[in-house]
C-alpha atoms as a PDB file:
ATOM      1  CA  SER A   1    -114.831  21.371 -13.565  1.00  0.00           C
ATOM      2  CA  LEU A   2    -114.276  24.367 -15.782  1.00  0.00           C
ATOM      3  CA  LEU A   3    -110.752  24.812 -14.408  1.00  0.00           C
ATOM      4  CA  VAL A   4    -109.310  21.641 -15.972  1.00  0.00           C
ATOM      5  CA  ASN A   5    -109.603  20.096 -19.438  1.00  0.00           C
ATOM      6  CA  VAL A   6    -110.583  16.521 -20.338  1.00  0.00           C
ATOM      7  CA  SER A   7    -107.200  15.096 -19.491  1.00  0.00           C
ATOM      8  CA  GLY A   8    -107.176  16.754 -16.041  1.00  0.00           C
ATOM      9  CA  GLU A   9    -104.647  19.468 -16.876  1.00  0.00           C
ATOM     10  CA  PRO A  10    -105.297  23.139 -16.020  1.00  0.00           C
ATOM     11  CA  ARG A  11    -106.966  25.079 -18.837  1.00  0.00           C
ATOM     12  CA  LYS A  12    -104.900  27.661 -20.700  1.00  0.00           C
ATOM     13  CA  GLN A  13    -107.909  29.736 -21.776  1.00  0.00           C
ATOM     14  CA  LYS A  14    -110.971  30.779 -19.842  1.00  0.00           C
ATOM     15  CA  ILE A  15    -114.261  29.100 -20.836  1.00  0.00           C
ATOM     16  CA  LYS A  16    -117.067  31.440 -21.902  1.00  0.00           C
ATOM     17  CA  LEU A  17    -120.444  30.072 -20.834  1.00  0.00           C
ATOM     18  CA  PRO A  18    -123.468  30.658 -23.072  1.00  0.00           C
ATOM     19  CA  SER A  19    -125.962  33.249 -21.875  1.00  0.00           C
ATOM     20  CA  SER A  20    -128.607  30.537 -21.339  1.00  0.00           C
ATOM     21  CA  LEU A  21    -126.390  28.902 -18.693  1.00  0.00           C
ATOM     22  CA  GLN A  22    -125.526  32.231 -17.091  1.00  0.00           C
ATOM     23  CA  GLY A  23    -129.212  32.915 -16.384  1.00  0.00           C
ATOM     24  CA  ARG A  24    -129.568  35.958 -18.615  1.00  0.00           C
ATOM     25  CA  LYS A  25    -131.022  36.488 -22.042  1.00  0.00           C
ATOM     26  CA  THR A  26    -129.489  38.405 -24.881  1.00  0.00           C
ATOM     27  CA  ASN A  27    -131.430  40.705 -27.178  1.00  0.00           C
ATOM     28  CA  SER A  28    -134.420  41.314 -24.914  1.00  0.00           C
ATOM     29  CA  ILE A  29    -136.023  44.428 -23.495  1.00  0.00           C
ATOM     30  CA  PRO A  30    -138.077  43.992 -20.287  1.00  0.00           C
ATOM     31  CA  ASN A  31    -141.560  45.518 -20.276  1.00  0.00           C
ATOM     32  CA  LYS A  32    -142.028  48.325 -17.775  1.00  0.00           C
ATOM     33  CA  LYS A  33    -145.506  47.224 -16.711  1.00  0.00           C
ATOM     34  CA  ILE A  34    -146.236  43.605 -15.956  1.00  0.00           C
ATOM     35  CA  GLY A  35    -149.981  43.417 -15.889  1.00  0.00           C
ATOM     36  CA  ASN A  36    -152.259  40.435 -15.673  1.00  0.00           C
ATOM     37  CA  LEU A  37    -149.868  37.802 -16.998  1.00  0.00           C
ATOM     38  CA  ALA A  38    -152.247  34.990 -17.758  1.00  0.00           C
ATOM     39  CA  ALA A  39    -155.657  33.957 -16.579  1.00  0.00           C
ATOM     40  CA  GLY A  40    -154.388  30.515 -15.591  1.00  0.00           C
ATOM     41  CA  LYS A  41    -151.458  31.604 -13.465  1.00  0.00           C
ATOM     42  CA  ILE A  42    -150.402  29.573 -10.459  1.00  0.00           C
ATOM     43  CA  ASN A  43    -150.459  31.256  -7.032  1.00  0.00           C
ATOM     44  CA  THR A  44    -148.703  28.767  -4.795  1.00  0.00           C
ATOM     45  CA  ALA A  45    -146.351  29.897  -2.061  1.00  0.00           C
ATOM     46  CA  SER A  46    -143.325  28.434  -3.837  1.00  0.00           C
ATOM     47  CA  LEU A  47    -143.985  30.533  -6.951  1.00  0.00           C
ATOM     48  CA  ALA A  48    -145.203  33.753  -5.321  1.00  0.00           C
ATOM     49  CA  THR A  49    -141.729  35.181  -4.889  1.00  0.00           C
ATOM     50  CA  ARG A  50    -139.717  37.975  -6.432  1.00  0.00           C
ATOM     51  CA  ARG A  51    -138.092  35.394  -8.676  1.00  0.00           C
ATOM     52  CA  ARG A  52    -141.316  35.077 -10.666  1.00  0.00           C
ATOM     53  CA  GLN A  53    -139.691  36.855 -13.617  1.00  0.00           C
ATOM     54  CA  HIS A  54    -137.161  34.023 -13.879  1.00  0.00           C
ATOM     55  CA  LEU A  55    -140.014  31.481 -14.039  1.00  0.00           C
ATOM     56  CA  SER A  56    -141.609  32.969 -17.127  1.00  0.00           C
ATOM     57  CA  GLY A  57    -140.587  33.969 -20.597  1.00  0.00           C
ATOM     58  CA  PHE A  58    -139.583  32.694 -23.979  1.00  0.00           C
ATOM     59  CA  HIS A  59    -136.300  31.594 -25.547  1.00  0.00           C
ATOM     60  CA  LEU A  60    -135.466  31.840 -29.243  1.00  0.00           C
ATOM     61  CA  ILE A  61    -133.693  28.898 -30.861  1.00  0.00           C
ATOM     62  CA  PRO A  62    -131.503  29.990 -32.666  1.00  0.00           C
ATOM     63  CA  PRO A  63    -131.090  33.451 -31.100  1.00  0.00           C
ATOM     64  CA  ARG A  64    -130.196  35.028 -34.482  1.00  0.00           C
ATOM     65  CA  VAL A  65    -130.769  34.245 -38.172  1.00  0.00           C
ATOM     66  CA  THR A  66    -128.078  34.591 -40.825  1.00  0.00           C
ATOM     67  CA  PHE A  67    -129.244  33.746 -44.339  1.00  0.00           C
ATOM     68  CA  GLY A  68    -125.835  34.229 -45.962  1.00  0.00           C
ATOM     69  CA  VAL A  69    -125.567  35.164 -49.657  1.00  0.00           C
ATOM     70  CA  LEU A  70    -128.928  35.124 -51.473  1.00  0.00           C
ATOM     71  CA  LYS A  71    -129.835  35.362 -55.158  1.00  0.00           C
ATOM     72  CA  GLU A  72    -131.891  38.427 -56.051  1.00  0.00           C
ATOM     73  CA  GLY A  73    -135.539  37.679 -56.883  1.00  0.00           C
ATOM     74  CA  CYS A  74    -135.750  34.427 -54.896  1.00  0.00           C
ATOM     75  CA  THR A  75    -137.641  33.670 -51.689  1.00  0.00           C
ATOM     76  CA  TYR A  76    -135.969  31.886 -48.775  1.00  0.00           C
ATOM     77  CA  VAL A  77    -137.505  30.513 -45.544  1.00  0.00           C
ATOM     78  CA  THR A  78    -135.912  29.344 -42.299  1.00  0.00           C
ATOM     79  CA  PRO A  79    -137.581  28.137 -39.071  1.00  0.00           C
ATOM     80  CA  VAL A  80    -137.033  29.634 -35.612  1.00  0.00           C
ATOM     81  CA  ILE A  81    -138.367  27.997 -32.430  1.00  0.00           C
ATOM     82  CA  LEU A  82    -139.995  30.153 -29.745  1.00  0.00           C
ATOM     83  CA  LYS A  83    -140.015  28.050 -26.562  1.00  0.00           C
ATOM     84  CA  ASN A  84    -141.989  28.894 -23.418  1.00  0.00           C
ATOM     85  CA  VAL A  85    -139.568  28.252 -20.546  1.00  0.00           C
ATOM     86  CA  GLY A  86    -141.965  29.504 -17.867  1.00  0.00           C
ATOM     87  CA  VAL A  87    -144.419  27.778 -15.553  1.00  0.00           C
ATOM     88  CA  ASP A  88    -147.558  29.430 -16.999  1.00  0.00           C
ATOM     89  CA  PHE A  89    -148.977  29.594 -20.475  1.00  0.00           C
ATOM     90  CA  SER A  90    -148.013  32.841 -22.179  1.00  0.00           C
ATOM     91  CA  ARG A  91    -148.980  34.821 -25.227  1.00  0.00           C
ATOM     92  CA  PHE A  92    -146.860  36.599 -27.801  1.00  0.00           C
ATOM     93  CA  ARG A  93    -147.212  38.525 -31.017  1.00  0.00           C
ATOM     94  CA  VAL A  94    -144.761  39.437 -33.728  1.00  0.00           C
ATOM     95  CA  LYS A  95    -144.356  42.970 -35.019  1.00  0.00           C
ATOM     96  CA  GLN A  96    -144.022  42.432 -38.764  1.00  0.00           C
ATOM     97  CA  PRO A  97    -140.951  44.069 -40.358  1.00  0.00           C
ATOM     98  CA  PRO A  98    -141.405  46.880 -42.919  1.00  0.00           C
ATOM     99  CA  THR A  99    -142.097  45.680 -46.472  1.00  0.00           C
ATOM    100  CA  HIS A 100    -138.952  47.315 -47.911  1.00  0.00           C
ATOM    101  CA  THR A 101    -136.815  44.778 -45.992  1.00  0.00           C
ATOM    102  CA  GLY A 102    -138.395  41.846 -47.847  1.00  0.00           C
ATOM    103  CA  LEU A 103    -138.905  40.062 -44.508  1.00  0.00           C
ATOM    104  CA  ARG A 104    -142.092  38.425 -43.266  1.00  0.00           C
ATOM    105  CA  VAL A 105    -142.801  36.240 -40.218  1.00  0.00           C
ATOM    106  CA  MET A 106    -145.384  33.462 -40.508  1.00  0.00           C
ATOM    107  CA  TYR A 107    -146.749  31.909 -37.316  1.00  0.00           C
ATOM    108  CA  THR A 108    -149.919  30.640 -35.662  1.00  0.00           C
ATOM    109  CA  PRO A 109    -151.146  33.043 -32.951  1.00  0.00           C
ATOM    110  CA  GLY A 110    -152.441  31.816 -29.603  1.00  0.00           C
ATOM    111  CA  PRO A 111    -151.248  30.905 -26.125  1.00  0.00           C
ATOM    112  CA  VAL A 112    -148.208  28.681 -25.643  1.00  0.00           C
ATOM    113  CA  ALA A 113    -148.363  26.251 -22.732  1.00  0.00           C
ATOM    114  CA  ALA A 114    -145.457  25.939 -20.294  1.00  0.00           C
ATOM    115  CA  GLY A 115    -142.646  23.870 -21.762  1.00  0.00           C
ATOM    116  CA  LEU A 116    -144.065  23.864 -25.298  1.00  0.00           C
ATOM    117  CA  GLN A 117    -142.846  25.680 -28.357  1.00  0.00           C
ATOM    118  CA  VAL A 118    -144.098  27.390 -31.504  1.00  0.00           C
ATOM    119  CA  GLU A 119    -142.397  27.494 -34.875  1.00  0.00           C
ATOM    120  CA  LEU A 120    -141.911  30.885 -36.516  1.00  0.00           C
ATOM    121  CA  LYS A 121    -141.057  30.852 -40.222  1.00  0.00           C
ATOM    122  CA  ILE A 122    -138.814  33.740 -41.237  1.00  0.00           C
ATOM    123  CA  GLU A 123    -139.294  34.443 -44.947  1.00  0.00           C
ATOM    124  CA  ILE A 124    -137.149  36.804 -46.991  1.00  0.00           C
ATOM    125  CA  PHE A 125    -137.710  37.907 -50.552  1.00  0.00           C
ATOM    126  CA  ALA A 126    -134.248  38.872 -51.778  1.00  0.00           C
ATOM    127  CA  MET A 127    -134.553  42.260 -53.451  1.00  0.00           C
ATOM    128  CA  VAL A 128    -132.133  45.111 -53.943  1.00  0.00           C
ATOM    129  CA  THR A 129    -133.499  48.432 -52.708  1.00  0.00           C
ATOM    130  CA  GLY A 130    -130.485  50.741 -53.116  1.00  0.00           C
ATOM    131  CA  GLY A 131    -129.966  52.552 -56.389  1.00  0.00           C
ATOM    132  CA  GLU A 132    -126.197  53.048 -56.070  1.00  0.00           C
ATOM    133  CA  ASP A 133    -123.596  50.462 -57.009  1.00  0.00           C
ATOM    134  CA  SER A 134    -122.691  48.409 -53.931  1.00  0.00           C
ATOM    135  CA  GLY A 135    -120.113  46.132 -55.512  1.00  0.00           C
ATOM    136  CA  GLY A 136    -122.487  43.255 -56.278  1.00  0.00           C
ATOM    137  CA  LEU A 137    -123.687  42.676 -52.679  1.00  0.00           C
ATOM    138  CA  GLU A 138    -126.295  44.485 -50.636  1.00  0.00           C
ATOM    139  CA  GLU A 139    -126.558  43.773 -46.918  1.00  0.00           C
ATOM    140  CA  ILE A 140    -129.956  43.407 -45.240  1.00  0.00           C
ATOM    141  CA  SER A 141    -130.011  43.779 -41.463  1.00  0.00           C
ATOM    142  CA  HIS A 142    -133.152  44.010 -39.329  1.00  0.00           C
ATOM    143  CA  ASP A 143    -134.206  43.104 -35.771  1.00  0.00           C
ATOM    144  CA  ILE A 144    -137.622  41.422 -35.665  1.00  0.00           C
ATOM    145  CA  GLU A 145    -139.573  42.374 -32.517  1.00  0.00           C
ATOM    146  CA  ILE A 146    -141.437  39.612 -30.680  1.00  0.00           C
ATOM    147  CA  LEU A 147    -143.667  41.129 -28.004  1.00  0.00           C
ATOM    148  CA  THR A 148    -144.384  38.871 -25.031  1.00  0.00           C
ATOM    149  CA  GLU A 149    -146.185  39.569 -21.777  1.00  0.00           C
ATOM    150  CA  ILE A 150    -143.035  40.389 -19.817  1.00  0.00           C
ATOM    151  CA  GLU A 151    -140.455  41.427 -22.417  1.00  0.00           C
ATOM    152  CA  THR A 152    -139.740  42.242 -26.038  1.00  0.00           C
ATOM    153  CA  LEU A 153    -137.400  39.780 -27.730  1.00  0.00           C
ATOM    154  CA  LEU A 154    -135.245  40.958 -30.626  1.00  0.00           C
ATOM    155  CA  LEU A 155    -134.399  38.455 -33.355  1.00  0.00           C
ATOM    156  CA  PRO A 156    -131.523  39.802 -35.497  1.00  0.00           C
ATOM    157  CA  VAL A 157    -131.835  38.779 -39.163  1.00  0.00           C
ATOM    158  CA  ARG A 158    -128.908  39.278 -41.549  1.00  0.00           C
ATOM    159  CA  ALA A 159    -128.508  38.513 -45.261  1.00  0.00           C
ATOM    160  CA  ASN A 160    -126.382  39.529 -48.231  1.00  0.00           C
ATOM    161  CA  ILE A 161    -128.144  39.830 -51.582  1.00  0.00           C
ATOM    162  CA  LEU A 162    -126.169  39.149 -54.729  1.00  0.00           C
ATOM    163  CA  CYS A 163    -127.028  41.814 -57.328  1.00  0.00           C
END
């Protein structure tokens, strides 16, 4: 139970459940028009309900990327998993960030079957764009847009570049 701790005593602080257990996703924008989702969709009575939106979609693991402090002029790469948590195969595409951010997303396009995942490689070339003195650190902050069939996922990427 969430009301008691491991030793059976009442908890002093309230437990905050992660958004994945609460049934909602953070950093996503639902699409207004849900068109033809996928050619291979399942039309059984158990799935033809209003809850169909809960049976499709992607999850990002981890939900945000923090590179930390980076050395100027170097390239860094980190993986992010895009997992299809729906019952149908789904497609996605990534809107590449502007070049002045130094960010690039490398991935293999194509459909993702239900329950499978795709690896996205987030690459950053650490470069200082500002001309003014920023005290030795410049902060890079950008939300990468991942467009799926039912929503747009936002992947926040943060880094500090050492000048």
